[in-house]
Amino acid sequence: MSVDLDVLRWLSEHRTPTLTTMARWAMDVGASPAVMVAVGVVGVIVVVAKRWWWQAVTVAVSGVGALVVASVVKQTVQRERPSGDLVVVQVGGLSMPSTIAAMTAAVVVAAYLVLPWSVGHRRWTAGVLAVVVLLIGVAMVYLGAHWPTDVLVGWAVGAGVGWAVVRLTLVALRAETGELPR
């Protein structure tokens, strides 16, 4: 039997109303257009106030890039989502990789790498960002919206895209100015 099926079966046998409510909330946070707009508005305010133009573009391109790459991989793999008694929420569409997992990982990796976190806050920030990405991914598996490997591959795609966009941005900025941005 597959690990994916074993994990989803185990989760379906151990679901509780409280955990299901919490998982739905976490999934909604990761996939909600309203939350994305709110985060975007706060992001624009911070970008304007701090003048973090290149950082904002880098993070945004990372998120969009992860969406595009995940969508292409999804169309290539053509994996069906879990079904039947394994599922709490019906999502529709293809499953591998998780687009939300890819986008959240890309945005978090890019934000962590390009924003000027203070030395004292860097480790704490990494932990908080990792927990957010982890909770959203685990919630999607718990609810049966994705197979576990969908989320793992989504995280890998997103982290790779986020890292690559940051590296390309830094190379372009160095070529333009002769030094790395602060």
Protein backbone atom coordinates (compact mmCIF):
# COMPACT_ATOMS: atom_id res chain seq x y z
CA MET A 1 0.00 0.00 0.00
CA SER A 2 1.08 3.56 -0.53
CA VAL A 3 2.25 5.82 2.26
CA ASP A 4 -0.18 8.47 0.99
CA LEU A 5 -3.15 6.16 1.42
CA ASP A 6 -1.93 4.90 4.80
CA VAL A 7 -1.52 8.43 6.14
CA LEU A 8 -4.93 9.57 4.91
CA ARG A 9 -6.63 6.47 6.30
CA TRP A 10 -4.97 7.00 9.67
CA LEU A 11 -6.01 10.66 9.70
CA SER A 12 -9.59 9.85 8.71
CA GLU A 13 -9.83 7.41 11.63
CA HIS A 14 -8.51 9.99 14.11
CA ARG A 15 -10.37 13.15 13.11
CA THR A 16 -12.11 15.11 15.83
CA PRO A 17 -14.59 17.99 15.48
CA THR A 18 -12.12 20.40 17.12
CA LEU A 19 -9.19 19.39 14.90
CA THR A 20 -11.42 19.46 11.82
CA THR A 21 -12.55 23.01 12.64
CA MET A 22 -8.96 24.10 13.20
CA ALA A 23 -7.84 22.43 9.95
CA ARG A 24 -10.65 24.11 8.01
CA TRP A 25 -9.58 27.45 9.46
CA ALA A 26 -5.92 26.86 8.51
CA MET A 27 -6.87 25.77 4.99
CA ASP A 28 -9.15 28.77 4.59
CA VAL A 29 -6.36 31.10 5.69
CA GLY A 30 -4.07 29.60 3.06
CA ALA A 31 -6.62 29.64 0.26
CA SER A 32 -8.93 32.54 1.09
CA PRO A 33 -9.04 35.38 -1.45
CA ALA A 34 -10.05 37.74 1.38
CA VAL A 35 -6.98 36.78 3.40
CA MET A 36 -4.78 37.13 0.33
CA VAL A 37 -6.19 40.62 -0.32
CA ALA A 38 -5.74 41.60 3.35
CA VAL A 39 -2.14 40.36 3.34
CA GLY A 40 -1.60 42.19 0.06
CA VAL A 41 -2.96 45.48 1.45
CA VAL A 42 -0.81 45.21 4.57
CA GLY A 43 2.12 44.29 2.34
CA VAL A 44 1.61 47.36 0.13
CA ILE A 45 1.46 49.61 3.20
CA VAL A 46 4.70 48.13 4.56
CA VAL A 47 6.40 48.31 1.16
CA VAL A 48 5.50 51.97 0.71
CA ALA A 49 6.42 52.91 4.28
CA LYS A 50 9.76 51.05 4.22
CA ARG A 51 10.48 51.56 0.49
CA TRP A 52 11.08 47.86 0.01
CA TRP A 53 10.37 47.95 -3.72
CA TRP A 54 12.71 45.27 -5.01
CA GLN A 55 11.88 43.01 -2.07
CA ALA A 56 8.15 43.31 -2.76
CA VAL A 57 8.60 42.53 -6.45
CA THR A 58 10.80 39.55 -5.57
CA VAL A 59 8.25 38.10 -3.14
CA ALA A 60 5.35 38.69 -5.55
CA VAL A 61 7.20 37.13 -8.50
CA SER A 62 8.07 34.15 -6.30
CA GLY A 63 4.41 33.56 -5.44
CA VAL A 64 3.23 33.94 -9.03
CA GLY A 65 6.13 31.85 -10.31
CA ALA A 66 5.26 29.04 -7.89
CA LEU A 67 1.64 29.18 -9.04
CA VAL A 68 2.70 28.87 -12.67
CA VAL A 69 5.22 26.07 -12.08
CA ALA A 70 2.79 24.13 -9.86
CA SER A 71 0.04 24.49 -12.46
CA VAL A 72 2.29 23.18 -15.24
CA VAL A 73 3.42 20.23 -13.10
CA LYS A 74 -0.21 19.55 -12.15
CA GLN A 75 -1.21 19.34 -15.81
CA THR A 76 1.74 17.06 -16.51
CA VAL A 77 1.20 14.69 -13.58
CA GLN A 78 -2.65 14.58 -13.81
CA ARG A 79 -3.06 13.08 -10.31
CA GLU A 80 -6.57 12.80 -8.91
CA ARG A 81 -7.40 14.11 -5.45
CA PRO A 82 -8.34 11.80 -2.56
CA SER A 83 -11.98 10.73 -2.52
CA GLY A 84 -14.62 8.90 -0.52
CA ASP A 85 -14.41 8.56 3.24
CA LEU A 86 -10.90 10.04 3.23
CA VAL A 87 -12.24 13.49 2.37
CA VAL A 88 -13.80 16.17 4.56
CA VAL A 89 -13.74 18.94 1.93
CA GLN A 90 -14.35 18.69 -1.80
CA VAL A 91 -11.85 20.86 -3.64
CA GLY A 92 -11.96 19.75 -7.27
CA GLY A 93 -9.24 19.88 -9.87
CA LEU A 94 -5.99 18.01 -9.94
CA SER A 95 -3.91 17.24 -6.89
CA MET A 96 -0.14 17.01 -7.51
CA PRO A 97 1.52 19.31 -6.52
CA SER A 98 -0.46 21.40 -4.06
CA THR A 99 -0.60 24.90 -5.53
CA ILE A 100 -1.29 26.49 -2.14
CA ALA A 101 1.68 24.65 -0.60
CA ALA A 102 3.88 25.82 -3.47
CA MET A 103 2.74 29.44 -3.27
CA THR A 104 3.02 29.70 0.51
CA ALA A 105 6.47 28.10 0.50
CA ALA A 106 7.69 30.39 -2.30
CA VAL A 107 6.43 33.55 -0.61
CA VAL A 108 7.84 32.55 2.78
CA VAL A 109 11.26 31.57 1.38
CA ALA A 110 11.52 34.76 -0.66
CA ALA A 111 10.32 36.99 2.19
CA TYR A 112 12.73 35.38 4.61
CA LEU A 113 15.66 35.77 2.23
CA VAL A 114 15.08 39.36 1.05
CA LEU A 115 13.54 41.23 3.97
CA PRO A 116 15.96 42.88 6.38
CA TRP A 117 15.19 40.87 9.52
CA SER A 118 17.27 41.89 12.51
CA VAL A 119 19.85 39.36 13.64
CA GLY A 120 17.92 38.80 16.87
CA HIS A 121 14.65 38.14 15.05
CA ARG A 122 15.91 35.99 12.15
CA ARG A 123 15.65 32.61 13.86
CA TRP A 124 12.30 33.47 15.49
CA THR A 125 10.94 34.72 12.16
CA ALA A 126 12.05 31.54 10.38
CA GLY A 127 10.25 29.45 13.00
CA VAL A 128 7.00 31.40 12.73
CA LEU A 129 7.04 31.33 8.94
CA ALA A 130 7.79 27.59 8.90
CA VAL A 131 4.94 26.88 11.32
CA VAL A 132 2.47 28.84 9.16
CA VAL A 133 3.48 26.91 6.02
CA LEU A 134 3.42 23.61 7.92
CA LEU A 135 -0.04 24.22 9.42
CA ILE A 136 -1.58 25.10 6.08
CA GLY A 137 -0.06 22.03 4.39
CA VAL A 138 -0.99 19.64 7.20
CA ALA A 139 -4.52 21.02 7.26
CA MET A 140 -4.97 20.28 3.55
CA VAL A 141 -3.87 16.68 4.10
CA TYR A 142 -5.94 16.27 7.28
CA LEU A 143 -9.05 17.43 5.43
CA GLY A 144 -8.36 15.12 2.48
CA ALA A 145 -7.91 17.96 -0.02
CA HIS A 146 -4.47 16.60 -0.90
CA TRP A 147 -2.35 13.50 -0.60
CA PRO A 148 0.68 14.01 1.68
CA THR A 149 3.10 13.82 -1.23
CA ASP A 150 1.13 16.56 -3.04
CA VAL A 151 1.97 18.93 -0.21
CA LEU A 152 5.59 17.78 0.05
CA VAL A 153 6.12 18.30 -3.67
CA GLY A 154 4.30 21.65 -3.46
CA TRP A 155 6.64 22.77 -0.69
CA ALA A 156 9.67 21.66 -2.71
CA VAL A 157 8.44 23.44 -5.84
CA GLY A 158 7.65 26.61 -3.90
CA ALA A 159 10.91 26.66 -1.95
CA GLY A 160 12.85 26.08 -5.17
CA VAL A 161 11.02 28.82 -7.05
CA GLY A 162 11.35 31.26 -4.13
CA TRP A 163 15.07 30.59 -3.82
CA ALA A 164 15.63 30.83 -7.59
CA VAL A 165 13.74 34.11 -7.91
CA VAL A 166 15.73 35.61 -5.02
CA ARG A 167 19.04 34.46 -6.56
CA LEU A 168 18.09 35.85 -10.00
CA THR A 169 16.97 39.14 -8.44
CA LEU A 170 20.23 39.51 -6.52
CA VAL A 171 22.27 38.75 -9.64
CA ALA A 172 20.29 41.35 -11.62
CA LEU A 173 20.63 43.98 -8.89
CA ARG A 174 24.35 43.32 -8.54
CA ALA A 175 24.80 43.62 -12.32
CA GLU A 176 22.89 46.90 -12.30
CA THR A 177 24.52 48.55 -9.27
CA GLY A 178 27.78 46.66 -8.88
CA GLU A 179 26.88 45.63 -5.33
CA LEU A 180 24.27 43.69 -3.41
CA PRO A 181 21.30 45.70 -2.16
CA ARG A 182 20.88 46.33 1.54
